[in-house]
Amino acid sequence: MRSRKAKQAAIHRSDCASKHLQARHELERLEQGAGLRADFSQSQVGYLDRRIRDMYFGVESADMRRKLISTHRAWVTLGNELTVADVEDSKERLEDARRDGTITQEIIPPLLGILAVYLGSRINGLTGAIGGGVVGIFVGFSYLRSKTAEREFYVAWEQSSLDDAIKTKSEDYPYPHRFTEREADTGERDDDYEDVPKSGTYA
């Protein structure tokens, strides 16, 4: 059962992913309207190559350039937010996996033993109670081993997911903006812009 904090992290992560996807779709729509998608497909530059600046600034309409640049910046910002949200969500899922079943594993085996002793005593008195106790111990330990193995599997799975999320963040975060705020406002090249060598992907 997911904790309240884990549920909030999952909702936030889902919201970030949805907004990021919407921004990408809007960016693709604008690029198609500006006749850029064919260029991307033919040259295979995607979103990573800095030549995207030449393509965007090559669009004749200043208004279209502003829309393209503003949407691209929004898409990058949302991608950065999604990267952080992935890590937080993975952390909470790992904590839940570590907590899940702990109480159940502590309570169920003794209950199984008590039930087995009770049923055995009802069937065959003291002898049945002893036999039931032996069976109860066996069943209880079998249940405990099974649940422990299951819990360890889920913990390892969530730990792996967290490791992947942290690795992605360390490599790609923060993903650099390819355009400045001034360029988004004016649609014109900013002479102060400097190429950022760091690269990543939110494709």
Protein backbone atom coordinates (compact mmCIF):
# COMPACT_ATOMS: atom_id res chain seq x y z
CA MET A 1 0.00 0.00 0.00
CA ARG A 2 1.44 3.34 -1.07
CA SER A 3 2.01 6.01 1.54
CA ARG A 4 0.46 9.46 1.21
CA LYS A 5 3.85 10.97 0.38
CA ALA A 6 4.46 8.33 -2.29
CA LYS A 7 1.05 8.97 -3.83
CA GLN A 8 1.77 12.70 -3.99
CA ALA A 9 5.14 12.04 -5.64
CA ALA A 10 3.49 9.75 -8.19
CA ILE A 11 0.81 12.33 -8.99
CA HIS A 12 3.41 15.07 -9.38
CA ARG A 13 5.54 12.87 -11.63
CA SER A 14 2.51 12.01 -13.77
CA ASP A 15 1.55 15.69 -14.02
CA CYS A 16 5.09 16.63 -15.11
CA ALA A 17 5.14 13.86 -17.70
CA SER A 18 1.76 14.95 -19.10
CA LYS A 19 2.78 18.61 -19.38
CA HIS A 20 6.11 17.67 -20.94
CA LEU A 21 4.38 15.52 -23.55
CA GLN A 22 1.87 18.26 -24.33
CA ALA A 23 4.71 20.75 -24.81
CA ARG A 24 6.46 18.37 -27.16
CA HIS A 25 3.30 17.87 -29.23
CA GLU A 26 2.80 21.64 -29.40
CA LEU A 27 6.42 22.10 -30.46
CA GLU A 28 6.04 19.49 -33.20
CA ARG A 29 2.85 21.19 -34.39
CA LEU A 30 4.63 24.55 -34.60
CA GLU A 31 7.63 23.02 -36.37
CA GLN A 32 5.36 21.40 -38.92
CA GLY A 33 3.59 24.71 -39.45
CA ALA A 34 6.97 26.37 -40.03
CA GLY A 35 8.03 23.62 -42.44
CA LEU A 36 10.84 22.36 -40.20
CA ARG A 37 9.98 18.75 -39.55
CA ALA A 38 11.21 17.56 -42.96
CA ASP A 39 14.58 19.16 -42.25
CA PHE A 40 14.83 17.36 -38.91
CA SER A 41 13.90 14.02 -40.44
CA GLN A 42 16.33 14.30 -43.36
CA SER A 43 19.35 15.49 -41.37
CA GLN A 44 18.68 13.39 -38.23
CA VAL A 45 19.72 16.28 -35.98
CA GLY A 46 16.75 15.85 -33.62
CA TYR A 47 16.67 18.23 -30.68
CA LEU A 48 20.28 17.87 -29.60
CA ASP A 49 22.22 19.57 -32.37
CA ARG A 50 22.76 23.31 -31.96
CA ARG A 51 21.87 23.72 -35.65
CA ILE A 52 18.31 23.88 -34.36
CA ARG A 53 19.07 27.56 -33.71
CA ASP A 54 19.86 28.12 -37.37
CA MET A 55 16.65 26.35 -38.34
CA TYR A 56 14.47 28.33 -35.96
CA PHE A 57 16.05 31.67 -36.85
CA GLY A 58 15.72 30.75 -40.50
CA VAL A 59 11.92 30.96 -40.18
CA GLU A 60 10.75 34.12 -41.91
CA SER A 61 7.96 35.13 -39.52
CA ALA A 62 9.18 36.81 -36.31
CA ASP A 63 5.94 35.84 -34.58
CA MET A 64 6.45 32.19 -35.51
CA ARG A 65 10.06 32.35 -34.30
CA ARG A 66 8.89 33.69 -30.93
CA LYS A 67 6.34 30.88 -30.62
CA LEU A 68 8.88 28.23 -31.57
CA ILE A 69 11.52 29.50 -29.17
CA SER A 70 9.10 30.05 -26.27
CA THR A 71 7.64 26.58 -26.69
CA HIS A 72 11.07 25.00 -26.97
CA ARG A 73 12.15 26.70 -23.73
CA ALA A 74 8.96 25.53 -21.99
CA TRP A 75 9.58 21.99 -23.25
CA VAL A 76 13.14 21.98 -21.88
CA THR A 77 12.04 23.43 -18.52
CA LEU A 78 9.33 20.79 -18.16
CA GLY A 79 11.83 18.10 -19.08
CA ASN A 80 14.09 19.24 -16.27
CA GLU A 81 11.16 19.18 -13.85
CA LEU A 82 10.27 15.67 -15.00
CA THR A 83 13.84 14.48 -14.38
CA VAL A 84 13.66 15.68 -10.76
CA ALA A 85 10.15 14.24 -10.33
CA ASP A 86 11.36 10.84 -11.60
CA VAL A 87 13.99 10.70 -8.86
CA GLU A 88 11.58 11.74 -6.10
CA ASP A 89 8.94 9.26 -7.26
CA SER A 90 11.52 6.46 -7.40
CA LYS A 91 12.71 7.29 -3.87
CA GLU A 92 9.19 7.08 -2.48
CA ARG A 93 8.45 3.82 -4.32
CA LEU A 94 11.62 2.32 -2.85
CA GLU A 95 10.64 3.40 0.67
CA ASP A 96 7.20 1.86 0.17
CA ALA A 97 8.74 -1.38 -1.06
CA ARG A 98 10.91 -1.51 2.05
CA ARG A 99 7.91 -0.93 4.33
CA ASP A 100 5.38 -3.13 2.52
CA GLY A 101 4.63 -6.41 4.26
CA THR A 102 6.76 -5.74 7.33
CA ILE A 103 3.83 -5.80 9.75
CA THR A 104 2.13 -8.65 7.88
CA GLN A 105 5.30 -10.73 7.99
CA GLU A 106 5.51 -10.25 11.76
CA ILE A 107 1.88 -11.05 12.53
CA ILE A 108 0.76 -13.76 10.09
CA PRO A 109 3.18 -16.61 11.08
CA PRO A 110 2.22 -16.53 14.80
CA LEU A 111 -1.47 -16.39 13.86
CA LEU A 112 -1.05 -19.40 11.60
CA GLY A 113 0.62 -21.26 14.46
CA ILE A 114 -2.15 -20.38 16.93
CA LEU A 115 -4.82 -21.40 14.42
CA ALA A 116 -3.09 -24.71 13.72
CA VAL A 117 -2.82 -25.49 17.46
CA TYR A 118 -6.47 -24.60 18.03
CA LEU A 119 -7.73 -26.74 15.14
CA GLY A 120 -5.49 -29.63 16.17
CA SER A 121 -6.74 -29.53 19.75
CA ARG A 122 -10.36 -29.51 18.58
CA ILE A 123 -9.74 -32.53 16.42
CA ASN A 124 -7.54 -34.67 18.68
CA GLY A 125 -7.01 -32.95 22.01
CA LEU A 126 -3.45 -32.51 23.29
CA THR A 127 -1.94 -34.75 20.63
CA GLY A 128 -3.74 -32.80 17.93
CA ALA A 129 -2.59 -29.52 19.45
CA ILE A 130 1.05 -30.65 19.37
CA GLY A 131 0.68 -31.86 15.79
CA GLY A 132 -1.06 -28.65 14.85
CA GLY A 133 1.76 -26.66 16.42
CA VAL A 134 4.34 -28.48 14.32
CA VAL A 135 2.30 -27.90 11.17
CA GLY A 136 1.72 -24.28 12.16
CA ILE A 137 5.44 -23.66 12.60
CA PHE A 138 6.20 -25.21 9.20
CA VAL A 139 3.46 -23.25 7.44
CA GLY A 140 4.41 -20.03 9.23
CA PHE A 141 8.07 -20.26 8.27
CA SER A 142 7.16 -21.17 4.67
CA TYR A 143 4.93 -18.11 4.49
CA LEU A 144 7.65 -15.94 6.02
CA ARG A 145 10.29 -17.15 3.53
CA SER A 146 7.94 -16.59 0.61
CA LYS A 147 6.99 -13.06 1.68
CA THR A 148 10.58 -12.15 2.49
CA ALA A 149 11.75 -13.26 -0.95
CA GLU A 150 8.90 -11.35 -2.59
CA ARG A 151 9.70 -8.20 -0.62
CA GLU A 152 13.41 -8.44 -1.41
CA PHE A 153 12.57 -8.75 -5.11
CA TYR A 154 10.45 -5.59 -5.10
CA VAL A 155 13.04 -3.67 -3.08
CA ALA A 156 15.75 -4.65 -5.57
CA TRP A 157 13.47 -3.67 -8.47
CA GLU A 158 12.71 -0.24 -7.03
CA GLN A 159 16.37 0.30 -6.09
CA SER A 160 17.30 -0.37 -9.71
CA SER A 161 14.67 2.12 -10.90
CA LEU A 162 16.03 4.74 -8.49
CA ASP A 163 19.59 4.12 -9.65
CA ASP A 164 18.50 4.63 -13.27
CA ALA A 165 16.66 7.85 -12.40
CA ILE A 166 19.66 9.21 -10.50
CA LYS A 167 21.98 8.30 -13.37
CA THR A 168 19.74 10.08 -15.86
CA LYS A 169 19.65 13.15 -13.64
CA SER A 170 23.42 13.18 -13.21
CA GLU A 171 23.94 12.95 -16.97
CA ASP A 172 21.16 15.17 -18.31
CA TYR A 173 20.18 17.60 -15.57
CA PRO A 174 19.82 20.42 -16.00
CA TYR A 175 19.32 20.09 -19.73
CA PRO A 176 20.55 23.37 -21.27
CA HIS A 177 18.26 25.82 -22.99
CA ARG A 178 19.18 26.30 -26.63
CA PHE A 179 17.62 29.77 -26.65
CA THR A 180 17.69 32.72 -24.27
CA GLU A 181 14.69 34.45 -22.69
CA ARG A 182 15.46 37.52 -24.78
CA GLU A 183 15.28 35.44 -27.95
CA ALA A 184 11.92 34.06 -26.84
CA ASP A 185 10.65 37.62 -26.35
CA THR A 186 12.01 39.12 -29.58
CA GLY A 187 12.40 36.22 -31.98
CA GLU A 188 15.84 37.64 -32.86
CA ARG A 189 19.29 36.23 -32.19
CA ASP A 190 20.85 37.20 -28.88
CA ASP A 191 24.49 38.19 -29.35
CA ASP A 192 25.17 37.22 -25.73
CA TYR A 193 24.15 33.58 -26.30
CA GLU A 194 26.90 31.04 -25.71
CA ASP A 195 26.75 27.43 -26.87
CA VAL A 196 26.41 24.98 -23.99
CA PRO A 197 28.55 21.88 -24.55
CA LYS A 198 26.51 19.71 -22.20
CA SER A 199 23.90 17.59 -23.95
CA GLY A 200 21.07 15.22 -23.05
CA THR A 201 17.74 14.12 -24.42
CA TYR A 202 14.07 14.41 -23.68
CA ALA A 203 12.99 13.05 -27.04
